[in-house]
Every structure is written in structure tokens, then in C-alpha cells.
Amino acid sequence: MKSWVRRAGPRARLDIVAGVVDGILTALTLAASKLLSPGASLDVGVALRVSIAAGATTVFVFFFAHYAESRARLIRAERQLNVLRHGRLAAGDLGGRAFRESLGGAAVAGFCSAAGALFPLLLAFALPSPGWFGCGATIVILGALGAGLAQSFDGSRTIWAATLMAIGVIFTFLGATLKITG
């Protein structure tokens, strides 16, 4: 059975996976001090603000990255076709299509980033336990995502899960040290 990651096209796969991972890491960075401080509590308002910030920054970053790549491909095609006036492909229908596809990919990545940030924070809010448990659950989610991702391209599930979990621990430590929300 094909995994959901394998069924998505290469570009959509990048938008989905990078968006979710970015959202989770942003949530760990921004909310770790709130989750790990004794007596501090995470509320839904903080979770929503972190989620919106994660999604919004991802939309802009992915739009410009996708659009720059698409424009570069059009310029390469012009050179290969020996088009005398540069920018003609980008100014036409292909340029408009590149813009729309870039916007669509950015929207998918932004949504996945916002969801990736919101889900673990709401989980930490809902669990009646110490804050570190929410961080731990989020890091386990990163590991599961890494294992699923590795399965989609026949990589080592253990290595990918362990790597994403280690990155999650690093970002949690970074967030706890920076104390952005706490």
C-alpha cells in the first residue's frame, strides 16, 4: 500500500512535509519555555497565535521560493530555445501559471505549517499533565512523521525518526533557552 506521502506529487510532497515539520519546530521553539516552566500553562490563545505566525511565515517563504524556481526554469528554457528577448516566457501564460502554482503550493505549505504548529500545542493544552509531556508527545509525533517520510522513499525509518526527534529536542532546548513566550 502506498503511503499518503508517496501518492502526493513531488512538489506537493515538499509543501506538505516541509510545512508540517516547519510548523512543529516553530511550535516547539516558540512555546517550549511556556510548556517547560513550572506553574506556567499554555492556553488556546497562545496556541492559535503560534499557529498563525507559523503558517503566515511559511506562506511567504514558500511562495517566493517556488516562484523564483519557476521563473529560473522559464529563463533556462528561453536560453535553450534561443529566444532573442528575455522574459517573454515569464510575461506570458507560462509566467501566470508559474505564479498560480507558486501561490497554490505556498497555501498548502502554510496550511500544513499552521496545522503542524496547532496540533501539538492543542495536544499539550488538552493533556492534564506536566508541560514537558506535551513537548515529549510533540517530539514523538516528529519521529512518526520521519518514519512515514522514510517509508515513502525507502529510507531508513529508524534513522529518519531518530533524526527528526533529535532536531525536535534541539529546537525545544533552543525555545526553552530563548524564552520567547514565557
N, C-alpha and C. Protein backbone atom coordinates (compact mmCIF):
# COMPACT_ATOMS: atom_id res chain seq x y z
N MET A 1 0.84 -1.18 0.00
CA MET A 1 0.00 0.00 0.00
C MET A 1 0.89 1.24 0.00
N LYS A 2 0.58 2.17 -0.87
CA LYS A 2 1.36 3.40 -0.94
C LYS A 2 0.99 4.33 0.20
N SER A 3 2.01 4.98 0.75
CA SER A 3 1.74 5.93 1.82
C SER A 3 1.17 7.22 1.22
N TRP A 4 0.54 8.04 2.05
CA TRP A 4 -0.03 9.30 1.59
C TRP A 4 1.05 10.21 1.04
N VAL A 5 2.26 10.12 1.59
CA VAL A 5 3.35 10.97 1.12
C VAL A 5 3.76 10.56 -0.29
N ARG A 6 3.77 9.25 -0.56
CA ARG A 6 4.18 8.77 -1.87
C ARG A 6 3.14 9.11 -2.93
N ARG A 7 1.86 9.14 -2.56
CA ARG A 7 0.80 9.44 -3.52
C ARG A 7 0.81 10.89 -3.98
N ALA A 8 1.26 11.79 -3.12
CA ALA A 8 1.33 13.21 -3.49
C ALA A 8 2.46 13.39 -4.51
N GLY A 9 2.31 14.34 -5.40
CA GLY A 9 3.37 14.63 -6.36
C GLY A 9 4.58 15.19 -5.64
N PRO A 10 5.74 15.22 -6.29
CA PRO A 10 6.96 15.67 -5.63
C PRO A 10 6.87 17.07 -5.04
N ARG A 11 6.25 17.97 -5.78
CA ARG A 11 6.17 19.34 -5.28
C ARG A 11 5.18 19.45 -4.12
N ALA A 12 4.04 18.77 -4.24
CA ALA A 12 3.06 18.76 -3.15
C ALA A 12 3.64 18.08 -1.93
N ARG A 13 4.41 17.04 -2.14
CA ARG A 13 5.05 16.32 -1.03
C ARG A 13 5.97 17.26 -0.26
N LEU A 14 6.74 18.05 -0.97
CA LEU A 14 7.63 19.01 -0.33
C LEU A 14 6.81 20.01 0.48
N ASP A 15 5.75 20.54 -0.10
CA ASP A 15 4.92 21.53 0.58
C ASP A 15 4.29 20.94 1.85
N ILE A 16 3.77 19.74 1.76
CA ILE A 16 3.10 19.11 2.90
C ILE A 16 4.09 18.78 4.01
N VAL A 17 5.12 18.05 3.67
CA VAL A 17 6.07 17.59 4.70
C VAL A 17 6.84 18.76 5.30
N ALA A 18 7.34 19.63 4.46
CA ALA A 18 8.10 20.77 4.99
C ALA A 18 7.20 21.69 5.81
N GLY A 19 5.96 21.86 5.38
CA GLY A 19 5.04 22.68 6.13
C GLY A 19 4.75 22.12 7.51
N VAL A 20 4.46 20.83 7.59
CA VAL A 20 4.17 20.20 8.88
C VAL A 20 5.39 20.24 9.80
N VAL A 21 6.54 19.87 9.27
CA VAL A 21 7.76 19.87 10.09
C VAL A 21 8.09 21.29 10.54
N ASP A 22 7.98 22.25 9.64
CA ASP A 22 8.23 23.64 10.00
C ASP A 22 7.28 24.10 11.11
N GLY A 23 6.01 23.75 10.99
CA GLY A 23 5.05 24.13 12.00
C GLY A 23 5.36 23.53 13.35
N ILE A 24 5.69 22.27 13.38
CA ILE A 24 6.01 21.61 14.65
C ILE A 24 7.25 22.22 15.27
N LEU A 25 8.29 22.44 14.47
CA LEU A 25 9.52 23.02 15.01
C LEU A 25 9.31 24.46 15.48
N THR A 26 8.48 25.20 14.75
CA THR A 26 8.15 26.56 15.18
C THR A 26 7.41 26.53 16.51
N ALA A 27 6.45 25.60 16.63
CA ALA A 27 5.70 25.48 17.89
C ALA A 27 6.64 25.14 19.05
N LEU A 28 7.55 24.20 18.82
CA LEU A 28 8.49 23.84 19.89
C LEU A 28 9.37 25.03 20.27
N THR A 29 9.82 25.77 19.28
CA THR A 29 10.69 26.91 19.56
C THR A 29 9.95 28.01 20.31
N LEU A 30 8.76 28.34 19.85
CA LEU A 30 8.04 29.47 20.44
C LEU A 30 7.36 29.13 21.76
N ALA A 31 6.95 27.89 21.95
CA ALA A 31 6.17 27.56 23.14
C ALA A 31 6.91 26.72 24.17
N ALA A 32 8.13 26.32 23.90
CA ALA A 32 8.84 25.43 24.83
C ALA A 32 9.00 26.05 26.21
N SER A 33 9.31 27.33 26.28
CA SER A 33 9.51 27.94 27.60
C SER A 33 8.20 27.95 28.38
N LYS A 34 7.09 28.12 27.69
CA LYS A 34 5.77 28.10 28.34
C LYS A 34 5.43 26.69 28.82
N LEU A 35 5.78 25.70 28.01
CA LEU A 35 5.47 24.32 28.35
C LEU A 35 6.36 23.78 29.46
N LEU A 36 7.60 24.21 29.50
CA LEU A 36 8.57 23.63 30.43
C LEU A 36 8.71 24.40 31.74
N SER A 37 8.16 25.60 31.82
CA SER A 37 8.26 26.38 33.05
C SER A 37 7.32 25.82 34.09
N PRO A 38 7.82 25.64 35.34
CA PRO A 38 6.93 25.16 36.39
C PRO A 38 5.83 26.18 36.67
N GLY A 39 4.62 25.71 36.70
CA GLY A 39 3.50 26.58 37.00
C GLY A 39 2.97 27.35 35.81
N ALA A 40 3.71 27.42 34.73
CA ALA A 40 3.22 28.13 33.55
C ALA A 40 2.26 27.21 32.80
N SER A 41 1.27 27.81 32.19
CA SER A 41 0.32 27.00 31.45
C SER A 41 0.14 27.57 30.05
N LEU A 42 -0.09 26.68 29.15
CA LEU A 42 -0.33 27.05 27.76
C LEU A 42 -1.83 27.20 27.58
N ASP A 43 -2.25 28.27 26.93
CA ASP A 43 -3.68 28.42 26.66
C ASP A 43 -3.92 28.37 25.16
N VAL A 44 -5.18 28.28 24.80
CA VAL A 44 -5.56 28.15 23.40
C VAL A 44 -5.15 29.39 22.62
N GLY A 45 -5.19 30.57 23.25
CA GLY A 45 -4.79 31.80 22.58
C GLY A 45 -3.34 31.77 22.12
N VAL A 46 -2.46 31.28 22.99
CA VAL A 46 -1.04 31.15 22.61
C VAL A 46 -0.90 30.15 21.47
N ALA A 47 -1.61 29.04 21.56
CA ALA A 47 -1.55 28.02 20.50
C ALA A 47 -1.99 28.60 19.16
N LEU A 48 -3.06 29.37 19.16
CA LEU A 48 -3.54 29.97 17.91
C LEU A 48 -2.58 31.01 17.36
N ARG A 49 -2.00 31.84 18.25
CA ARG A 49 -1.05 32.86 17.79
C ARG A 49 0.20 32.22 17.19
N VAL A 50 0.70 31.18 17.84
CA VAL A 50 1.88 30.48 17.31
C VAL A 50 1.54 29.84 15.97
N SER A 51 0.36 29.24 15.87
CA SER A 51 -0.06 28.60 14.63
C SER A 51 -0.18 29.60 13.48
N ILE A 52 -0.77 30.74 13.75
CA ILE A 52 -0.93 31.78 12.72
C ILE A 52 0.44 32.30 12.29
N ALA A 53 1.32 32.52 13.25
CA ALA A 53 2.67 33.00 12.90
C ALA A 53 3.41 31.97 12.05
N ALA A 54 3.31 30.71 12.42
CA ALA A 54 3.98 29.66 11.66
C ALA A 54 3.43 29.59 10.23
N GLY A 55 2.12 29.59 10.10
CA GLY A 55 1.51 29.50 8.77
C GLY A 55 1.81 30.70 7.89
N ALA A 56 1.73 31.90 8.48
CA ALA A 56 1.96 33.11 7.69
C ALA A 56 3.39 33.20 7.17
N THR A 57 4.36 32.92 8.01
CA THR A 57 5.75 32.99 7.53
C THR A 57 6.02 31.93 6.48
N THR A 58 5.43 30.77 6.65
CA THR A 58 5.64 29.69 5.68
C THR A 58 5.05 30.06 4.32
N VAL A 59 3.88 30.68 4.31
CA VAL A 59 3.27 31.08 3.03
C VAL A 59 4.22 31.98 2.25
N PHE A 60 4.76 32.99 2.90
CA PHE A 60 5.64 33.92 2.18
C PHE A 60 6.94 33.25 1.74
N VAL A 61 7.55 32.49 2.62
CA VAL A 61 8.81 31.83 2.27
C VAL A 61 8.61 30.87 1.10
N PHE A 62 7.57 30.05 1.17
CA PHE A 62 7.36 29.06 0.10
C PHE A 62 6.93 29.73 -1.20
N PHE A 63 6.13 30.79 -1.13
CA PHE A 63 5.73 31.45 -2.37
C PHE A 63 6.97 31.97 -3.10
N PHE A 64 7.81 32.71 -2.40
CA PHE A 64 8.97 33.28 -3.07
C PHE A 64 9.95 32.21 -3.53
N ALA A 65 10.10 31.15 -2.76
CA ALA A 65 10.99 30.06 -3.19
C ALA A 65 10.46 29.37 -4.44
N HIS A 66 9.17 29.03 -4.44
CA HIS A 66 8.58 28.38 -5.62
C HIS A 66 8.60 29.29 -6.84
N TYR A 67 8.23 30.54 -6.65
CA TYR A 67 8.14 31.46 -7.78
C TYR A 67 9.53 31.74 -8.37
N ALA A 68 10.51 31.89 -7.51
CA ALA A 68 11.88 32.11 -8.00
C ALA A 68 12.35 30.90 -8.80
N GLU A 69 12.06 29.71 -8.31
CA GLU A 69 12.46 28.49 -9.03
C GLU A 69 11.73 28.38 -10.37
N SER A 70 10.46 28.68 -10.39
CA SER A 70 9.69 28.61 -11.65
C SER A 70 10.19 29.63 -12.65
N ARG A 71 10.46 30.84 -12.20
CA ARG A 71 10.99 31.87 -13.10
C ARG A 71 12.36 31.46 -13.64
N ALA A 72 13.19 30.88 -12.80
CA ALA A 72 14.52 30.43 -13.25
C ALA A 72 14.39 29.36 -14.32
N ARG A 73 13.41 28.47 -14.16
CA ARG A 73 13.19 27.43 -15.20
C ARG A 73 12.75 28.07 -16.52
N LEU A 74 11.92 29.08 -16.45
CA LEU A 74 11.49 29.75 -17.68
C LEU A 74 12.66 30.46 -18.36
N ILE A 75 13.53 31.06 -17.58
CA ILE A 75 14.71 31.73 -18.15
C ILE A 75 15.63 30.69 -18.80
N ARG A 76 15.83 29.55 -18.14
CA ARG A 76 16.65 28.48 -18.74
C ARG A 76 16.04 28.00 -20.04
N ALA A 77 14.71 27.85 -20.06
CA ALA A 77 14.03 27.41 -21.29
C ALA A 77 14.22 28.43 -22.40
N GLU A 78 14.16 29.71 -22.07
CA GLU A 78 14.39 30.75 -23.09
C GLU A 78 15.78 30.64 -23.68
N ARG A 79 16.76 30.42 -22.83
CA ARG A 79 18.15 30.30 -23.31
C ARG A 79 18.32 29.08 -24.20
N GLN A 80 17.68 27.97 -23.81
CA GLN A 80 17.79 26.76 -24.62
C GLN A 80 17.08 26.90 -25.96
N LEU A 81 16.01 27.70 -25.98
CA LEU A 81 15.28 27.92 -27.22
C LEU A 81 15.83 29.09 -28.03
N ASN A 82 16.86 29.75 -27.50
CA ASN A 82 17.47 30.90 -28.15
C ASN A 82 16.46 32.03 -28.41
N VAL A 83 15.61 32.28 -27.43
CA VAL A 83 14.66 33.38 -27.54
C VAL A 83 15.46 34.68 -27.47
N LEU A 84 15.24 35.57 -28.43
CA LEU A 84 16.05 36.78 -28.52
C LEU A 84 15.74 37.77 -27.40
N ARG A 85 14.48 37.93 -27.04
CA ARG A 85 14.12 38.87 -25.97
C ARG A 85 13.83 38.08 -24.70
N HIS A 86 14.63 38.33 -23.68
CA HIS A 86 14.47 37.60 -22.42
C HIS A 86 13.24 38.08 -21.66
N GLY A 87 12.60 37.16 -20.96
CA GLY A 87 11.43 37.49 -20.16
C GLY A 87 10.11 37.26 -20.86
N ARG A 88 10.15 36.84 -22.11
CA ARG A 88 8.90 36.67 -22.87
C ARG A 88 8.09 35.49 -22.34
N LEU A 89 8.74 34.39 -21.98
CA LEU A 89 8.00 33.25 -21.43
C LEU A 89 7.39 33.59 -20.08
N ALA A 90 8.14 34.29 -19.27
CA ALA A 90 7.65 34.65 -17.93
C ALA A 90 6.52 35.67 -18.01
N ALA A 91 6.51 36.48 -19.04
CA ALA A 91 5.48 37.51 -19.17
C ALA A 91 4.18 36.95 -19.75
N GLY A 92 4.22 35.77 -20.31
CA GLY A 92 3.04 35.20 -20.95
C GLY A 92 2.27 34.26 -20.04
N ASP A 93 1.59 33.33 -20.70
CA ASP A 93 0.75 32.36 -19.98
C ASP A 93 1.56 31.49 -19.03
N LEU A 94 2.76 31.14 -19.42
CA LEU A 94 3.60 30.30 -18.56
C LEU A 94 3.98 31.04 -17.27
N GLY A 95 4.20 32.32 -17.37
CA GLY A 95 4.51 33.11 -16.18
C GLY A 95 3.32 33.18 -15.24
N GLY A 96 2.14 33.34 -15.79
CA GLY A 96 0.92 33.34 -14.98
C GLY A 96 0.69 32.01 -14.31
N ARG A 97 0.95 30.95 -15.07
CA ARG A 97 0.80 29.60 -14.49
C ARG A 97 1.81 29.38 -13.37
N ALA A 98 3.03 29.84 -13.56
CA ALA A 98 4.05 29.71 -12.51
C ALA A 98 3.62 30.46 -11.25
N PHE A 99 3.03 31.64 -11.45
CA PHE A 99 2.56 32.44 -10.31
C PHE A 99 1.45 31.69 -9.56
N ARG A 100 0.47 31.18 -10.29
CA ARG A 100 -0.65 30.47 -9.66
C ARG A 100 -0.21 29.19 -8.96
N GLU A 101 0.68 28.43 -9.59
CA GLU A 101 1.18 27.22 -8.96
C GLU A 101 2.00 27.53 -7.71
N SER A 102 2.77 28.60 -7.77
CA SER A 102 3.55 29.01 -6.60
C SER A 102 2.64 29.43 -5.46
N LEU A 103 1.59 30.15 -5.79
CA LEU A 103 0.62 30.57 -4.77
C LEU A 103 -0.09 29.37 -4.16
N GLY A 104 -0.46 28.41 -5.00
CA GLY A 104 -1.13 27.20 -4.50
C GLY A 104 -0.22 26.38 -3.60
N GLY A 105 1.03 26.20 -4.02
CA GLY A 105 1.97 25.46 -3.20
C GLY A 105 2.24 26.14 -1.88
N ALA A 106 2.32 27.47 -1.92
CA ALA A 106 2.54 28.23 -0.69
C ALA A 106 1.35 28.11 0.24
N ALA A 107 0.15 28.11 -0.31
CA ALA A 107 -1.06 27.96 0.52
C ALA A 107 -1.09 26.59 1.20
N VAL A 108 -0.73 25.54 0.46
CA VAL A 108 -0.68 24.20 1.04
C VAL A 108 0.37 24.15 2.15
N ALA A 109 1.55 24.66 1.88
CA ALA A 109 2.62 24.65 2.89
C ALA A 109 2.23 25.47 4.11
N GLY A 110 1.61 26.62 3.90
CA GLY A 110 1.18 27.47 5.02
C GLY A 110 0.13 26.80 5.87
N PHE A 111 -0.85 26.17 5.22
CA PHE A 111 -1.88 25.45 5.96
C PHE A 111 -1.26 24.31 6.77
N CYS A 112 -0.37 23.55 6.14
CA CYS A 112 0.28 22.43 6.83
C CYS A 112 1.15 22.92 7.98
N SER A 113 1.79 24.05 7.81
CA SER A 113 2.60 24.61 8.88
C SER A 113 1.73 25.06 10.05
N ALA A 114 0.63 25.73 9.75
CA ALA A 114 -0.28 26.18 10.81
C ALA A 114 -0.85 24.97 11.56
N ALA A 115 -1.26 23.95 10.80
CA ALA A 115 -1.79 22.74 11.43
C ALA A 115 -0.70 22.01 12.22
N GLY A 116 0.51 21.98 11.65
CA GLY A 116 1.63 21.33 12.34
C GLY A 116 1.98 22.02 13.65
N ALA A 117 1.78 23.32 13.71
CA ALA A 117 2.04 24.06 14.95
C ALA A 117 0.87 23.94 15.92
N LEU A 118 -0.35 23.97 15.39
CA LEU A 118 -1.53 23.98 16.25
C LEU A 118 -1.78 22.63 16.93
N PHE A 119 -1.65 21.56 16.18
CA PHE A 119 -1.98 20.24 16.72
C PHE A 119 -1.19 19.90 17.98
N PRO A 120 0.13 19.97 17.97
CA PRO A 120 0.85 19.59 19.20
C PRO A 120 0.59 20.55 20.36
N LEU A 121 0.35 21.82 20.07
CA LEU A 121 0.08 22.76 21.15
C LEU A 121 -1.29 22.51 21.77
N LEU A 122 -2.27 22.19 20.93
CA LEU A 122 -3.58 21.83 21.48
C LEU A 122 -3.50 20.51 22.25
N LEU A 123 -2.68 19.61 21.77
CA LEU A 123 -2.46 18.35 22.48
C LEU A 123 -1.86 18.62 23.86
N ALA A 124 -0.85 19.49 23.91
CA ALA A 124 -0.23 19.84 25.18
C ALA A 124 -1.22 20.55 26.10
N PHE A 125 -2.10 21.35 25.53
CA PHE A 125 -3.13 22.05 26.31
C PHE A 125 -4.14 21.06 26.88
N ALA A 126 -4.51 20.08 26.06
CA ALA A 126 -5.57 19.13 26.44
C ALA A 126 -5.09 18.09 27.45
N LEU A 127 -3.80 17.77 27.42
CA LEU A 127 -3.30 16.73 28.32
C LEU A 127 -3.16 17.27 29.74
N PRO A 128 -3.83 16.66 30.70
CA PRO A 128 -3.69 17.12 32.08
C PRO A 128 -2.41 16.55 32.69
N SER A 129 -1.30 17.14 32.33
CA SER A 129 -0.02 16.63 32.79
C SER A 129 1.00 17.76 32.79
N PRO A 130 2.20 17.46 33.24
CA PRO A 130 3.24 18.50 33.17
C PRO A 130 3.52 18.90 31.72
N GLY A 131 4.01 20.13 31.54
CA GLY A 131 4.26 20.66 30.21
C GLY A 131 5.27 19.86 29.42
N TRP A 132 6.24 19.28 30.11
CA TRP A 132 7.25 18.52 29.38
C TRP A 132 6.63 17.34 28.65
N PHE A 133 5.49 16.85 29.14
CA PHE A 133 4.83 15.74 28.48
C PHE A 133 4.34 16.17 27.09
N GLY A 134 3.84 17.39 26.97
CA GLY A 134 3.42 17.91 25.68
C GLY A 134 4.58 18.04 24.71
N CYS A 135 5.72 18.50 25.22
CA CYS A 135 6.93 18.57 24.38
C CYS A 135 7.34 17.17 23.93
N GLY A 136 7.30 16.24 24.87
CA GLY A 136 7.67 14.85 24.53
C GLY A 136 6.74 14.25 23.49
N ALA A 137 5.44 14.49 23.65
CA ALA A 137 4.47 13.97 22.68
C ALA A 137 4.71 14.58 21.30
N THR A 138 5.05 15.85 21.27
CA THR A 138 5.33 16.53 20.01
C THR A 138 6.57 15.94 19.34
N ILE A 139 7.58 15.65 20.13
CA ILE A 139 8.81 15.06 19.59
C ILE A 139 8.53 13.65 19.06
N VAL A 140 7.66 12.91 19.73
CA VAL A 140 7.28 11.58 19.24
C VAL A 140 6.53 11.71 17.91
N ILE A 141 5.68 12.73 17.80
CA ILE A 141 4.97 12.98 16.53
C ILE A 141 5.97 13.25 15.41
N LEU A 142 7.01 14.03 15.71
CA LEU A 142 8.06 14.27 14.71
C LEU A 142 8.72 12.96 14.29
N GLY A 143 8.98 12.08 15.25
CA GLY A 143 9.57 10.78 14.94
C GLY A 143 8.68 9.95 14.04
N ALA A 144 7.38 9.95 14.32
CA ALA A 144 6.43 9.21 13.48
C ALA A 144 6.39 9.79 12.07
N LEU A 145 6.45 11.11 11.98
CA LEU A 145 6.49 11.76 10.67
C LEU A 145 7.75 11.37 9.91
N GLY A 146 8.88 11.34 10.61
CA GLY A 146 10.13 10.93 9.99
C GLY A 146 10.08 9.49 9.49
N ALA A 147 9.49 8.60 10.29
CA ALA A 147 9.37 7.20 9.87
C ALA A 147 8.48 7.07 8.65
N GLY A 148 7.36 7.81 8.64
CA GLY A 148 6.46 7.77 7.47
C GLY A 148 7.12 8.35 6.23
N LEU A 149 7.87 9.40 6.43
CA LEU A 149 8.58 10.01 5.30
C LEU A 149 9.62 9.05 4.74
N ALA A 150 10.37 8.40 5.61
CA ALA A 150 11.39 7.45 5.15
C ALA A 150 10.77 6.29 4.38
N GLN A 151 9.61 5.86 4.81
CA GLN A 151 8.92 4.77 4.12
C GLN A 151 8.54 5.17 2.70
N SER A 152 8.24 6.46 2.50
CA SER A 152 7.80 6.91 1.18
C SER A 152 8.91 6.87 0.14
N PHE A 153 10.17 6.91 0.58
CA PHE A 153 11.26 6.82 -0.39
C PHE A 153 12.27 5.74 -0.03
N ASP A 154 11.79 4.73 0.68
CA ASP A 154 12.59 3.56 1.04
C ASP A 154 13.86 3.91 1.80
N GLY A 155 13.75 4.89 2.69
CA GLY A 155 14.87 5.25 3.56
C GLY A 155 14.80 4.46 4.85
N SER A 156 15.76 4.67 5.70
CA SER A 156 15.79 4.02 6.99
C SER A 156 14.81 4.72 7.93
N ARG A 157 13.78 4.00 8.32
CA ARG A 157 12.77 4.58 9.21
C ARG A 157 13.39 4.97 10.55
N THR A 158 14.28 4.14 11.05
CA THR A 158 14.90 4.41 12.34
C THR A 158 15.75 5.68 12.29
N ILE A 159 16.55 5.80 11.25
CA ILE A 159 17.43 6.97 11.14
C ILE A 159 16.61 8.25 10.97
N TRP A 160 15.61 8.21 10.11
CA TRP A 160 14.80 9.41 9.89
C TRP A 160 14.00 9.79 11.13
N ALA A 161 13.43 8.80 11.80
CA ALA A 161 12.68 9.09 13.03
C ALA A 161 13.60 9.66 14.10
N ALA A 162 14.75 9.02 14.28
CA ALA A 162 15.69 9.49 15.30
C ALA A 162 16.22 10.89 14.98
N THR A 163 16.47 11.14 13.71
CA THR A 163 16.99 12.46 13.31
C THR A 163 15.96 13.55 13.58
N LEU A 164 14.72 13.33 13.15
CA LEU A 164 13.70 14.35 13.39
C LEU A 164 13.42 14.52 14.88
N MET A 165 13.48 13.44 15.63
CA MET A 165 13.29 13.56 17.08
C MET A 165 14.44 14.35 17.71
N ALA A 166 15.66 14.09 17.27
CA ALA A 166 16.81 14.84 17.80
C ALA A 166 16.69 16.32 17.46
N ILE A 167 16.25 16.62 16.25
CA ILE A 167 16.04 18.02 15.87
C ILE A 167 14.96 18.64 16.74
N GLY A 168 13.91 17.89 17.03
CA GLY A 168 12.87 18.37 17.93
C GLY A 168 13.40 18.69 19.31
N VAL A 169 14.28 17.84 19.83
CA VAL A 169 14.89 18.09 21.14
C VAL A 169 15.74 19.37 21.09
N ILE A 170 16.49 19.54 20.02
CA ILE A 170 17.34 20.73 19.86
C ILE A 170 16.48 22.00 19.83
N PHE A 171 15.39 21.97 19.06
CA PHE A 171 14.53 23.15 18.97
C PHE A 171 13.79 23.41 20.28
N THR A 172 13.46 22.35 21.01
CA THR A 172 12.84 22.53 22.33
C THR A 172 13.83 23.20 23.27
N PHE A 173 15.06 22.74 23.26
CA PHE A 173 16.11 23.34 24.10
C PHE A 173 16.32 24.81 23.70
N LEU A 174 16.35 25.06 22.41
CA LEU A 174 16.50 26.43 21.91
C LEU A 174 15.35 27.31 22.38
N GLY A 175 14.14 26.83 22.25
CA GLY A 175 12.98 27.59 22.69
C GLY A 175 12.95 27.83 24.17
N ALA A 176 13.35 26.82 24.95
CA ALA A 176 13.40 26.97 26.41
C ALA A 176 14.48 27.95 26.82
N THR A 177 15.57 27.98 26.08
CA THR A 177 16.67 28.90 26.39
C THR A 177 16.31 30.33 26.01
N LEU A 178 15.68 30.52 24.86
CA LEU A 178 15.32 31.86 24.38
C LEU A 178 14.14 32.46 25.13
N LYS A 179 13.27 31.62 25.66
CA LYS A 179 12.08 32.07 26.43
C LYS A 179 11.27 33.12 25.68
N ILE A 180 10.85 32.77 24.49
CA ILE A 180 10.13 33.71 23.63
C ILE A 180 8.73 34.00 24.17
N THR A 181 8.00 32.97 24.57
CA THR A 181 6.63 33.17 25.05
C THR A 181 6.51 33.12 26.57
N GLY A 182 7.55 32.83 27.27
CA GLY A 182 7.41 32.68 28.72
C GLY A 182 8.21 33.64 29.43
